Amino acid sequence: MDQQSTRSRSNDQSFSMDDFAKALEQHDYEFQKGQIVQGKAFSYEPDGVYIDIGAKSLAFLPANEASLQGVTDPSAILPLHEEREFLIIRDQDADGQLTLSLRQLEIRQVWERMAEFQDSGQSLPVRVTGTNKGGVTVDVQGLRGFIPRSHLLERENLDALKGQTLTASILELDRDRNKLVLSNRLATRSVTFSQLEVGQLIEGKVTSIKPFGVFVDFNNTTGLLHINQISKSYIESLAALFQVGQEIKAMIVELDEGRGRVSLSTRVLENFPGEMLENMGSVMSEAESRQDRARKALLGE
């Protein structure tokens, strides 16, 4: 090997070491993917925004990562020199530039809020965006959620729900699988239960008659008037006493929100055993005036 070849190889090695050293200088090990950093908008470009986060190079926020709400003009939500938090979504490139996102940071924050809603059992508003055979898809603060048909109050005409805002509770939340399942029915029931109390007089309609009692619909919920709670006297036939569609007044004697049960009673409104069988009209027409006495007896006041 001649002297010129040796010198050439030595120069190549020297160059690559210098290049490596420069690369190390450019790389900022303070900042890593997944980290939340503070930064300010430095300048706008057609495809995004340069952000000053205190690194050796300006970071870049692509336009499609500027907002969960699909904002087309980042300057509308990110004024120059206003400090914000950003999520690093891509490590530094060859020029030492980091890639940031507001959208993915917002997504992370929404999932955290959803977990809080699930833990507290609180309901929240959701907007119906589409339908399929199994139910409806909904927008939940920018996330995509799903309400099964069985958990909707309106189960027949799903297309009529498009664009509507419903109240829903979270049934299932799995951030790793991007899965968010909700219930409109349970949320509505929860709201209804918050407006009910033992000793309250309700007015509704008989919806079905069973051997064990009568189901009564009122205020978007259903209560059971058990056969033992109709009268203090023995009842031979419920079908002879009630009919579907009949209006009836009754008192709430038990609430079980966990099982979605409302227990009703007309027995507590009777002035004497068997009055519901002999003269139901009087019990119904005087229900309001008898309510206070019945409530005190029920609550032991």
C-alpha atoms as a PDB file:
ATOM      1  CA  MET A   1       0.000   0.000   0.000  1.00  0.00           C
ATOM      2  CA  ASP A   2       1.519   3.361  -1.011  1.00  0.00           C
ATOM      3  CA  GLN A   3       1.912   6.443   1.206  1.00  0.00           C
ATOM      4  CA  GLN A   4      -0.834   8.355  -0.638  1.00  0.00           C
ATOM      5  CA  SER A   5      -3.442   5.635   0.071  1.00  0.00           C
ATOM      6  CA  THR A   6      -2.537   5.636   3.756  1.00  0.00           C
ATOM      7  CA  ARG A   7      -2.872   9.425   3.945  1.00  0.00           C
ATOM      8  CA  SER A   8      -6.246   9.269   2.178  1.00  0.00           C
ATOM      9  CA  ARG A   9      -7.612   6.720   4.628  1.00  0.00           C
ATOM     10  CA  SER A  10      -6.396   8.779   7.544  1.00  0.00           C
ATOM     11  CA  ASN A  11      -8.169  11.863   6.208  1.00  0.00           C
ATOM     12  CA  ASP A  12     -11.412   9.909   5.742  1.00  0.00           C
ATOM     13  CA  GLN A  13     -11.241   8.699   9.327  1.00  0.00           C
ATOM     14  CA  SER A  14     -10.563  12.211  10.587  1.00  0.00           C
ATOM     15  CA  PHE A  15     -13.539  13.585   8.661  1.00  0.00           C
ATOM     16  CA  SER A  16     -15.950  10.954   9.982  1.00  0.00           C
ATOM     17  CA  MET A  17     -14.883  11.629  13.583  1.00  0.00           C
ATOM     18  CA  ASP A  18     -15.384  15.366  13.100  1.00  0.00           C
ATOM     19  CA  ASP A  19     -18.770  14.756  11.570  1.00  0.00           C
ATOM     20  CA  PHE A  20     -19.722  12.526  14.505  1.00  0.00           C
ATOM     21  CA  ALA A  21     -18.632  15.177  16.978  1.00  0.00           C
ATOM     22  CA  LYS A  22     -20.740  17.805  15.229  1.00  0.00           C
ATOM     23  CA  ALA A  23     -23.731  15.473  15.312  1.00  0.00           C
ATOM     24  CA  LEU A  24     -23.284  15.038  19.050  1.00  0.00           C
ATOM     25  CA  GLU A  25     -23.142  18.783  19.484  1.00  0.00           C
ATOM     26  CA  GLN A  26     -26.364  19.225  17.554  1.00  0.00           C
ATOM     27  CA  HIS A  27     -28.246  16.579  19.522  1.00  0.00           C
ATOM     28  CA  ASP A  28     -29.959  17.820  22.684  1.00  0.00           C
ATOM     29  CA  TYR A  29     -30.402  14.973  25.156  1.00  0.00           C
ATOM     30  CA  GLU A  30     -32.681  17.062  27.372  1.00  0.00           C
ATOM     31  CA  PHE A  31     -35.581  16.406  25.018  1.00  0.00           C
ATOM     32  CA  GLN A  32     -37.062  12.995  24.224  1.00  0.00           C
ATOM     33  CA  LYS A  33     -40.131  11.553  22.516  1.00  0.00           C
ATOM     34  CA  GLY A  34     -43.145  11.414  24.854  1.00  0.00           C
ATOM     35  CA  GLN A  35     -41.959  14.369  26.921  1.00  0.00           C
ATOM     36  CA  ILE A  36     -44.207  17.381  27.599  1.00  0.00           C
ATOM     37  CA  VAL A  37     -42.358  20.685  27.107  1.00  0.00           C
ATOM     38  CA  GLN A  38     -43.090  24.391  27.339  1.00  0.00           C
ATOM     39  CA  GLY A  39     -42.704  26.446  24.171  1.00  0.00           C
ATOM     40  CA  LYS A  40     -43.731  29.533  22.210  1.00  0.00           C
ATOM     41  CA  ALA A  41     -44.746  29.961  18.585  1.00  0.00           C
ATOM     42  CA  PHE A  42     -41.788  31.514  16.737  1.00  0.00           C
ATOM     43  CA  SER A  43     -42.980  31.685  13.120  1.00  0.00           C
ATOM     44  CA  TYR A  44     -45.701  30.310  10.859  1.00  0.00           C
ATOM     45  CA  GLU A  45     -45.172  28.212   7.746  1.00  0.00           C
ATOM     46  CA  PRO A  46     -47.743  26.894   5.229  1.00  0.00           C
ATOM     47  CA  ASP A  47     -47.409  23.399   6.690  1.00  0.00           C
ATOM     48  CA  GLY A  48     -46.996  24.215  10.369  1.00  0.00           C
ATOM     49  CA  VAL A  49     -45.393  26.340  13.064  1.00  0.00           C
ATOM     50  CA  TYR A  50     -41.829  26.653  14.316  1.00  0.00           C
ATOM     51  CA  ILE A  51     -41.760  26.493  18.108  1.00  0.00           C
ATOM     52  CA  ASP A  52     -39.056  27.728  20.457  1.00  0.00           C
ATOM     53  CA  ILE A  53     -38.753  25.224  23.321  1.00  0.00           C
ATOM     54  CA  GLY A  54     -35.262  26.262  24.401  1.00  0.00           C
ATOM     55  CA  ALA A  55     -33.532  23.552  22.370  1.00  0.00           C
ATOM     56  CA  LYS A  56     -30.490  24.124  20.128  1.00  0.00           C
ATOM     57  CA  SER A  57     -32.814  24.149  17.111  1.00  0.00           C
ATOM     58  CA  LEU A  58     -36.390  25.306  16.711  1.00  0.00           C
ATOM     59  CA  ALA A  59     -38.940  22.497  17.033  1.00  0.00           C
ATOM     60  CA  PHE A  60     -41.698  22.039  14.448  1.00  0.00           C
ATOM     61  CA  LEU A  61     -45.464  21.644  14.959  1.00  0.00           C
ATOM     62  CA  PRO A  62     -47.114  20.230  11.802  1.00  0.00           C
ATOM     63  CA  ALA A  63     -50.445  21.872  10.933  1.00  0.00           C
ATOM     64  CA  ASN A  64     -52.321  18.572  11.314  1.00  0.00           C
ATOM     65  CA  GLU A  65     -50.976  18.240  14.874  1.00  0.00           C
ATOM     66  CA  ALA A  66     -52.094  21.708  15.955  1.00  0.00           C
ATOM     67  CA  SER A  67     -55.515  20.786  17.354  1.00  0.00           C
ATOM     68  CA  LEU A  68     -57.829  17.892  18.128  1.00  0.00           C
ATOM     69  CA  GLN A  69     -60.668  19.939  16.626  1.00  0.00           C
ATOM     70  CA  GLY A  70     -59.113  20.076  13.147  1.00  0.00           C
ATOM     71  CA  VAL A  71     -58.176  23.766  13.115  1.00  0.00           C
ATOM     72  CA  THR A  72     -56.867  24.786   9.671  1.00  0.00           C
ATOM     73  CA  ASP A  73     -55.126  27.978  10.821  1.00  0.00           C
ATOM     74  CA  PRO A  74     -52.752  27.287  13.745  1.00  0.00           C
ATOM     75  CA  SER A  75     -52.297  31.022  14.372  1.00  0.00           C
ATOM     76  CA  ALA A  76     -55.947  31.145  15.521  1.00  0.00           C
ATOM     77  CA  ILE A  77     -55.162  28.984  18.546  1.00  0.00           C
ATOM     78  CA  LEU A  78     -51.435  29.614  18.876  1.00  0.00           C
ATOM     79  CA  PRO A  79     -50.543  33.329  18.886  1.00  0.00           C
ATOM     80  CA  LEU A  80     -46.886  34.287  18.524  1.00  0.00           C
ATOM     81  CA  HIS A  81     -44.837  34.162  21.739  1.00  0.00           C
ATOM     82  CA  GLU A  82     -47.722  32.737  23.836  1.00  0.00           C
ATOM     83  CA  GLU A  83     -46.367  29.947  26.015  1.00  0.00           C
ATOM     84  CA  ARG A  84     -48.055  26.554  25.744  1.00  0.00           C
ATOM     85  CA  GLU A  85     -47.389  22.929  26.561  1.00  0.00           C
ATOM     86  CA  PHE A  86     -46.493  20.577  23.700  1.00  0.00           C
ATOM     87  CA  LEU A  87     -45.900  16.846  23.394  1.00  0.00           C
ATOM     88  CA  ILE A  88     -42.745  15.646  21.633  1.00  0.00           C
ATOM     89  CA  ILE A  89     -43.900  13.004  19.136  1.00  0.00           C
ATOM     90  CA  ARG A  90     -40.676  12.494  17.124  1.00  0.00           C
ATOM     91  CA  ASP A  91     -37.053  12.546  18.215  1.00  0.00           C
ATOM     92  CA  GLN A  92     -34.559  14.939  16.674  1.00  0.00           C
ATOM     93  CA  ASP A  93     -33.800  14.526  12.996  1.00  0.00           C
ATOM     94  CA  ALA A  94     -30.378  14.973  11.353  1.00  0.00           C
ATOM     95  CA  ASP A  95     -30.675  18.732  11.802  1.00  0.00           C
ATOM     96  CA  GLY A  96     -31.508  18.414  15.498  1.00  0.00           C
ATOM     97  CA  GLN A  97     -35.150  19.349  14.977  1.00  0.00           C
ATOM     98  CA  LEU A  98     -37.903  17.868  17.193  1.00  0.00           C
ATOM     99  CA  THR A  99     -41.504  17.328  16.063  1.00  0.00           C
ATOM    100  CA  LEU A 100     -44.278  18.461  18.416  1.00  0.00           C
ATOM    101  CA  SER A 101     -48.025  17.954  18.771  1.00  0.00           C
ATOM    102  CA  LEU A 102     -50.838  19.778  20.516  1.00  0.00           C
ATOM    103  CA  ARG A 103     -53.432  17.350  19.152  1.00  0.00           C
ATOM    104  CA  GLN A 104     -51.916  14.256  20.753  1.00  0.00           C
ATOM    105  CA  LEU A 105     -51.412  16.096  24.022  1.00  0.00           C
ATOM    106  CA  GLU A 106     -55.101  17.040  23.963  1.00  0.00           C
ATOM    107  CA  ILE A 107     -56.021  13.407  23.221  1.00  0.00           C
ATOM    108  CA  ARG A 108     -53.998  12.270  26.224  1.00  0.00           C
ATOM    109  CA  GLN A 109     -55.723  14.860  28.413  1.00  0.00           C
ATOM    110  CA  VAL A 110     -59.203  13.862  27.164  1.00  0.00           C
ATOM    111  CA  TRP A 111     -58.526  10.189  27.981  1.00  0.00           C
ATOM    112  CA  GLU A 112     -57.506  11.267  31.473  1.00  0.00           C
ATOM    113  CA  ARG A 113     -60.768  13.213  31.840  1.00  0.00           C
ATOM    114  CA  MET A 114     -62.726  10.200  30.598  1.00  0.00           C
ATOM    115  CA  ALA A 115     -61.108   8.069  33.314  1.00  0.00           C
ATOM    116  CA  GLU A 116     -62.228  10.647  35.881  1.00  0.00           C
ATOM    117  CA  PHE A 117     -65.788  10.564  34.511  1.00  0.00           C
ATOM    118  CA  GLN A 118     -65.767   6.760  34.719  1.00  0.00           C
ATOM    119  CA  ASP A 119     -64.445   6.736  38.294  1.00  0.00           C
ATOM    120  CA  SER A 120     -66.979   9.311  39.482  1.00  0.00           C
ATOM    121  CA  GLY A 121     -69.913   7.818  37.566  1.00  0.00           C
ATOM    122  CA  GLN A 122     -70.719  11.241  36.131  1.00  0.00           C
ATOM    123  CA  SER A 123     -72.503  11.566  32.808  1.00  0.00           C
ATOM    124  CA  LEU A 124     -71.409  13.872  29.978  1.00  0.00           C
ATOM    125  CA  PRO A 125     -72.799  15.244  26.699  1.00  0.00           C
ATOM    126  CA  VAL A 126     -71.863  13.443  23.452  1.00  0.00           C
ATOM    127  CA  ARG A 127     -72.784  14.226  19.830  1.00  0.00           C
ATOM    128  CA  VAL A 128     -74.056  11.490  17.508  1.00  0.00           C
ATOM    129  CA  THR A 129     -71.910  11.389  14.361  1.00  0.00           C
ATOM    130  CA  GLY A 130     -73.040   8.175  12.668  1.00  0.00           C
ATOM    131  CA  THR A 131     -75.008   4.938  12.915  1.00  0.00           C
ATOM    132  CA  ASN A 132     -74.500   1.264  12.223  1.00  0.00           C
ATOM    133  CA  LYS A 133     -76.408  -1.935  12.859  1.00  0.00           C
ATOM    134  CA  GLY A 134     -75.209  -2.189  16.456  1.00  0.00           C
ATOM    135  CA  GLY A 135     -75.748   1.379  17.616  1.00  0.00           C
ATOM    136  CA  VAL A 136     -74.388   4.894  17.096  1.00  0.00           C
ATOM    137  CA  THR A 137     -70.936   6.451  16.951  1.00  0.00           C
ATOM    138  CA  VAL A 138     -70.452   9.636  18.967  1.00  0.00           C
ATOM    139  CA  ASP A 139     -67.965  12.455  19.359  1.00  0.00           C
ATOM    140  CA  VAL A 140     -66.779  12.683  22.970  1.00  0.00           C
ATOM    141  CA  GLN A 141     -64.692  15.843  23.362  1.00  0.00           C
ATOM    142  CA  GLY A 142     -62.829  14.910  20.179  1.00  0.00           C
ATOM    143  CA  LEU A 143     -62.617  11.159  20.841  1.00  0.00           C
ATOM    144  CA  ARG A 144     -64.667   8.597  18.944  1.00  0.00           C
ATOM    145  CA  GLY A 145     -67.067   6.661  21.148  1.00  0.00           C
ATOM    146  CA  PHE A 146     -69.810   4.094  20.627  1.00  0.00           C
ATOM    147  CA  ILE A 147     -73.241   3.619  22.211  1.00  0.00           C
ATOM    148  CA  PRO A 148     -74.742   0.126  21.635  1.00  0.00           C
ATOM    149  CA  ARG A 149     -78.368   0.028  20.508  1.00  0.00           C
ATOM    150  CA  SER A 150     -79.338  -1.674  23.773  1.00  0.00           C
ATOM    151  CA  HIS A 151     -78.038   1.356  25.681  1.00  0.00           C
ATOM    152  CA  LEU A 152     -80.021   3.958  23.739  1.00  0.00           C
ATOM    153  CA  LEU A 153     -83.376   5.354  24.804  1.00  0.00           C
ATOM    154  CA  GLU A 154     -84.340   5.670  21.118  1.00  0.00           C
ATOM    155  CA  ARG A 155     -83.577   2.253  19.636  1.00  0.00           C
ATOM    156  CA  GLU A 156     -85.756   2.174  16.518  1.00  0.00           C
ATOM    157  CA  ASN A 157     -84.946   5.174  14.315  1.00  0.00           C
ATOM    158  CA  LEU A 158     -81.198   5.566  14.802  1.00  0.00           C
ATOM    159  CA  ASP A 159     -80.801   7.845  11.769  1.00  0.00           C
ATOM    160  CA  ALA A 160     -82.964  10.427  13.531  1.00  0.00           C
ATOM    161  CA  LEU A 161     -80.281  10.692  16.225  1.00  0.00           C
ATOM    162  CA  LYS A 162     -77.559  11.962  13.845  1.00  0.00           C
ATOM    163  CA  GLY A 163     -76.353  15.384  14.933  1.00  0.00           C
ATOM    164  CA  GLN A 164     -78.189  15.190  18.256  1.00  0.00           C
ATOM    165  CA  THR A 165     -76.504  15.659  21.614  1.00  0.00           C
ATOM    166  CA  LEU A 166     -77.178  12.876  24.110  1.00  0.00           C
ATOM    167  CA  THR A 167     -76.292  12.433  27.756  1.00  0.00           C
ATOM    168  CA  ALA A 168     -74.147   9.347  28.334  1.00  0.00           C
ATOM    169  CA  SER A 169     -72.228   7.464  31.021  1.00  0.00           C
ATOM    170  CA  ILE A 170     -69.034   5.514  30.371  1.00  0.00           C
ATOM    171  CA  LEU A 171     -69.435   1.732  30.270  1.00  0.00           C
ATOM    172  CA  GLU A 172     -65.983   0.709  29.077  1.00  0.00           C
ATOM    173  CA  LEU A 173     -62.738   2.602  28.613  1.00  0.00           C
ATOM    174  CA  ASP A 174     -59.569   1.105  27.098  1.00  0.00           C
ATOM    175  CA  ARG A 175     -57.064   3.724  26.013  1.00  0.00           C
ATOM    176  CA  ASP A 176     -54.589   1.179  24.604  1.00  0.00           C
ATOM    177  CA  ARG A 177     -57.250  -0.196  22.238  1.00  0.00           C
ATOM    178  CA  ASN A 178     -58.773   3.256  21.625  1.00  0.00           C
ATOM    179  CA  LYS A 179     -62.086   1.879  22.892  1.00  0.00           C
ATOM    180  CA  LEU A 180     -64.756   4.055  24.490  1.00  0.00           C
ATOM    181  CA  VAL A 181     -68.224   2.546  25.031  1.00  0.00           C
ATOM    182  CA  LEU A 182     -71.018   4.589  26.600  1.00  0.00           C
ATOM    183  CA  SER A 183     -74.647   4.300  27.694  1.00  0.00           C
ATOM    184  CA  ASN A 184     -77.381   6.840  27.081  1.00  0.00           C
ATOM    185  CA  ARG A 185     -79.926   4.732  28.973  1.00  0.00           C
ATOM    186  CA  LEU A 186     -77.926   4.473  32.204  1.00  0.00           C
ATOM    187  CA  ALA A 187     -77.062   8.182  32.165  1.00  0.00           C
ATOM    188  CA  THR A 188     -80.699   9.133  31.743  1.00  0.00           C
ATOM    189  CA  ARG A 189     -81.674   6.748  34.513  1.00  0.00           C
ATOM    190  CA  SER A 190     -79.049   8.298  36.765  1.00  0.00           C
ATOM    191  CA  VAL A 191     -80.428  11.788  36.090  1.00  0.00           C
ATOM    192  CA  THR A 192     -83.947  10.516  36.753  1.00  0.00           C
ATOM    193  CA  PHE A 193     -82.935   8.853  40.026  1.00  0.00           C
ATOM    194  CA  SER A 194     -81.341  12.086  41.233  1.00  0.00           C
ATOM    195  CA  GLN A 195     -84.790  13.698  40.936  1.00  0.00           C
ATOM    196  CA  LEU A 196     -86.618  10.950  42.844  1.00  0.00           C
ATOM    197  CA  GLU A 197     -86.958  10.283  46.562  1.00  0.00           C
ATOM    198  CA  VAL A 198     -88.717   7.859  48.851  1.00  0.00           C
ATOM    199  CA  GLY A 199     -92.099   9.266  49.869  1.00  0.00           C
ATOM    200  CA  GLN A 200     -92.573  11.101  46.579  1.00  0.00           C
ATOM    201  CA  LEU A 201     -95.969  10.864  44.873  1.00  0.00           C
ATOM    202  CA  ILE A 202     -95.761  10.060  41.160  1.00  0.00           C
ATOM    203  CA  GLU A 203     -98.320   9.947  38.370  1.00  0.00           C
ATOM    204  CA  GLY A 204     -97.900   7.612  35.424  1.00  0.00           C
ATOM    205  CA  LYS A 205     -99.459   5.061  33.107  1.00  0.00           C
ATOM    206  CA  VAL A 206     -99.733   1.298  33.409  1.00  0.00           C
ATOM    207  CA  THR A 207     -97.572  -0.255  30.674  1.00  0.00           C
ATOM    208  CA  SER A 208     -97.882  -3.947  31.507  1.00  0.00           C
ATOM    209  CA  ILE A 209     -99.636  -6.269  33.943  1.00  0.00           C
ATOM    210  CA  LYS A 210     -97.841  -9.315  35.306  1.00  0.00           C
ATOM    211  CA  PRO A 211     -98.903 -11.962  37.872  1.00  0.00           C
ATOM    212  CA  PHE A 212     -96.578 -10.340  40.437  1.00  0.00           C
ATOM    213  CA  GLY A 213     -97.492  -6.699  39.858  1.00  0.00           C
ATOM    214  CA  VAL A 214     -98.005  -3.750  37.535  1.00  0.00           C
ATOM    215  CA  PHE A 215     -95.334  -1.741  35.687  1.00  0.00           C
ATOM    216  CA  VAL A 216     -95.911   2.020  35.607  1.00  0.00           C
ATOM    217  CA  ASP A 217     -94.098   4.497  33.331  1.00  0.00           C
ATOM    218  CA  PHE A 218     -93.464   8.028  34.621  1.00  0.00           C
ATOM    219  CA  ASN A 219     -90.879  10.741  33.879  1.00  0.00           C
ATOM    220  CA  ASN A 220     -88.931   8.544  31.405  1.00  0.00           C
ATOM    221  CA  THR A 221     -88.539   5.732  33.925  1.00  0.00           C
ATOM    222  CA  THR A 222     -90.468   2.651  34.988  1.00  0.00           C
ATOM    223  CA  GLY A 223     -91.581   1.649  38.458  1.00  0.00           C
ATOM    224  CA  LEU A 224     -93.032  -1.592  39.762  1.00  0.00           C
ATOM    225  CA  LEU A 225     -96.243  -1.612  41.773  1.00  0.00           C
ATOM    226  CA  HIS A 226     -95.895  -5.053  43.342  1.00  0.00           C
ATOM    227  CA  ILE A 227     -99.080  -6.977  44.089  1.00  0.00           C
ATOM    228  CA  ASN A 228     -98.290  -6.818  47.818  1.00  0.00           C
ATOM    229  CA  GLN A 229     -98.051  -3.002  47.618  1.00  0.00           C
ATOM    230  CA  ILE A 230    -101.402  -2.390  45.912  1.00  0.00           C
ATOM    231  CA  SER A 231    -103.708  -2.955  48.884  1.00  0.00           C
ATOM    232  CA  LYS A 232    -103.716  -4.183  52.455  1.00  0.00           C
ATOM    233  CA  SER A 233    -106.304  -6.752  51.356  1.00  0.00           C
ATOM    234  CA  TYR A 234    -105.785  -9.853  49.224  1.00  0.00           C
ATOM    235  CA  ILE A 235    -105.992  -9.313  45.455  1.00  0.00           C
ATOM    236  CA  GLU A 236    -107.352 -12.150  43.374  1.00  0.00           C
ATOM    237  CA  SER A 237    -106.860 -10.702  39.894  1.00  0.00           C
ATOM    238  CA  LEU A 238    -104.684  -7.785  38.769  1.00  0.00           C
ATOM    239  CA  ALA A 239    -106.216  -7.895  35.279  1.00  0.00           C
ATOM    240  CA  ALA A 240    -109.631  -7.208  36.817  1.00  0.00           C
ATOM    241  CA  LEU A 241    -108.247  -4.181  38.671  1.00  0.00           C
ATOM    242  CA  PHE A 242    -105.961  -2.537  36.082  1.00  0.00           C
ATOM    243  CA  GLN A 243    -105.660  -2.122  32.334  1.00  0.00           C
ATOM    244  CA  VAL A 244    -102.751  -1.065  30.108  1.00  0.00           C
ATOM    245  CA  GLY A 245    -102.764   2.702  29.521  1.00  0.00           C
ATOM    246  CA  GLN A 246    -104.601   3.428  32.758  1.00  0.00           C
ATOM    247  CA  GLU A 247    -103.394   6.527  34.630  1.00  0.00           C
ATOM    248  CA  ILE A 248    -102.431   5.886  38.205  1.00  0.00           C
ATOM    249  CA  LYS A 249    -100.905   7.685  41.192  1.00  0.00           C
ATOM    250  CA  ALA A 250     -98.563   5.918  43.577  1.00  0.00           C
ATOM    251  CA  MET A 251     -95.911   6.631  46.170  1.00  0.00           C
ATOM    252  CA  ILE A 252     -92.229   5.714  45.830  1.00  0.00           C
ATOM    253  CA  VAL A 253     -91.358   3.367  48.692  1.00  0.00           C
ATOM    254  CA  GLU A 254     -87.900   2.151  47.582  1.00  0.00           C
ATOM    255  CA  LEU A 255     -85.125   3.242  45.188  1.00  0.00           C
ATOM    256  CA  ASP A 256     -82.272   1.010  43.990  1.00  0.00           C
ATOM    257  CA  GLU A 257     -80.247   2.988  41.443  1.00  0.00           C
ATOM    258  CA  GLY A 258     -77.623   0.252  41.063  1.00  0.00           C
ATOM    259  CA  ARG A 259     -80.257  -2.196  39.812  1.00  0.00           C
ATOM    260  CA  GLY A 260     -82.410   0.503  38.222  1.00  0.00           C
ATOM    261  CA  ARG A 261     -85.449  -0.339  40.352  1.00  0.00           C
ATOM    262  CA  VAL A 262     -88.197   1.953  41.568  1.00  0.00           C
ATOM    263  CA  SER A 263     -90.723   0.337  43.907  1.00  0.00           C
ATOM    264  CA  LEU A 264     -94.173   1.920  44.128  1.00  0.00           C
ATOM    265  CA  SER A 265     -97.098   1.601  46.511  1.00  0.00           C
ATOM    266  CA  THR A 266    -100.788   2.544  46.557  1.00  0.00           C
ATOM    267  CA  ARG A 267    -101.338   0.520  49.705  1.00  0.00           C
ATOM    268  CA  VAL A 268     -99.815   3.325  51.805  1.00  0.00           C
ATOM    269  CA  LEU A 269    -102.492   5.711  50.475  1.00  0.00           C
ATOM    270  CA  GLU A 270    -105.451   3.590  51.635  1.00  0.00           C
ATOM    271  CA  ASN A 271    -107.637   4.817  54.490  1.00  0.00           C
ATOM    272  CA  PHE A 272    -108.707   1.243  55.236  1.00  0.00           C
ATOM    273  CA  PRO A 273    -107.709  -2.258  54.008  1.00  0.00           C
ATOM    274  CA  GLY A 274    -109.219  -3.015  50.604  1.00  0.00           C
ATOM    275  CA  GLU A 275    -110.008   0.595  49.646  1.00  0.00           C
ATOM    276  CA  MET A 276    -108.055   0.204  46.400  1.00  0.00           C
ATOM    277  CA  LEU A 277    -110.322  -2.733  45.508  1.00  0.00           C
ATOM    278  CA  GLU A 278    -113.588  -1.128  46.572  1.00  0.00           C
ATOM    279  CA  ASN A 279    -113.052   2.498  45.564  1.00  0.00           C
ATOM    280  CA  MET A 280    -109.814   3.111  43.660  1.00  0.00           C
ATOM    281  CA  GLY A 281    -111.200   6.404  42.323  1.00  0.00           C
ATOM    282  CA  SER A 282    -111.273   7.955  45.793  1.00  0.00           C
ATOM    283  CA  VAL A 283    -107.697   6.861  46.524  1.00  0.00           C
ATOM    284  CA  MET A 284    -106.511   8.380  43.244  1.00  0.00           C
ATOM    285  CA  SER A 285    -108.437  11.658  43.539  1.00  0.00           C
ATOM    286  CA  GLU A 286    -107.349  12.182  47.146  1.00  0.00           C
ATOM    287  CA  ALA A 287    -103.759  10.977  46.675  1.00  0.00           C
ATOM    288  CA  GLU A 288    -102.211  14.439  47.117  1.00  0.00           C
ATOM    289  CA  SER A 289    -104.104  15.123  50.355  1.00  0.00           C
ATOM    290  CA  ARG A 290    -103.136  11.676  51.712  1.00  0.00           C
ATOM    291  CA  GLN A 291     -99.481  11.974  50.659  1.00  0.00           C
ATOM    292  CA  ASP A 292     -98.172  13.737  53.773  1.00  0.00           C
ATOM    293  CA  ARG A 293     -99.718  11.220  56.164  1.00  0.00           C
ATOM    294  CA  ALA A 294     -98.487   8.285  54.073  1.00  0.00           C
ATOM    295  CA  ARG A 295     -94.985   9.759  53.773  1.00  0.00           C
ATOM    296  CA  LYS A 296     -94.669  10.229  57.551  1.00  0.00           C
ATOM    297  CA  ALA A 297     -95.824   6.654  58.160  1.00  0.00           C
ATOM    298  CA  LEU A 298     -93.402   5.364  55.542  1.00  0.00           C
ATOM    299  CA  LEU A 299     -90.386   7.275  56.867  1.00  0.00           C
ATOM    300  CA  GLY A 300     -91.338   6.822  60.526  1.00  0.00           C
ATOM    301  CA  GLU A 301     -91.562  10.567  61.166  1.00  0.00           C
END
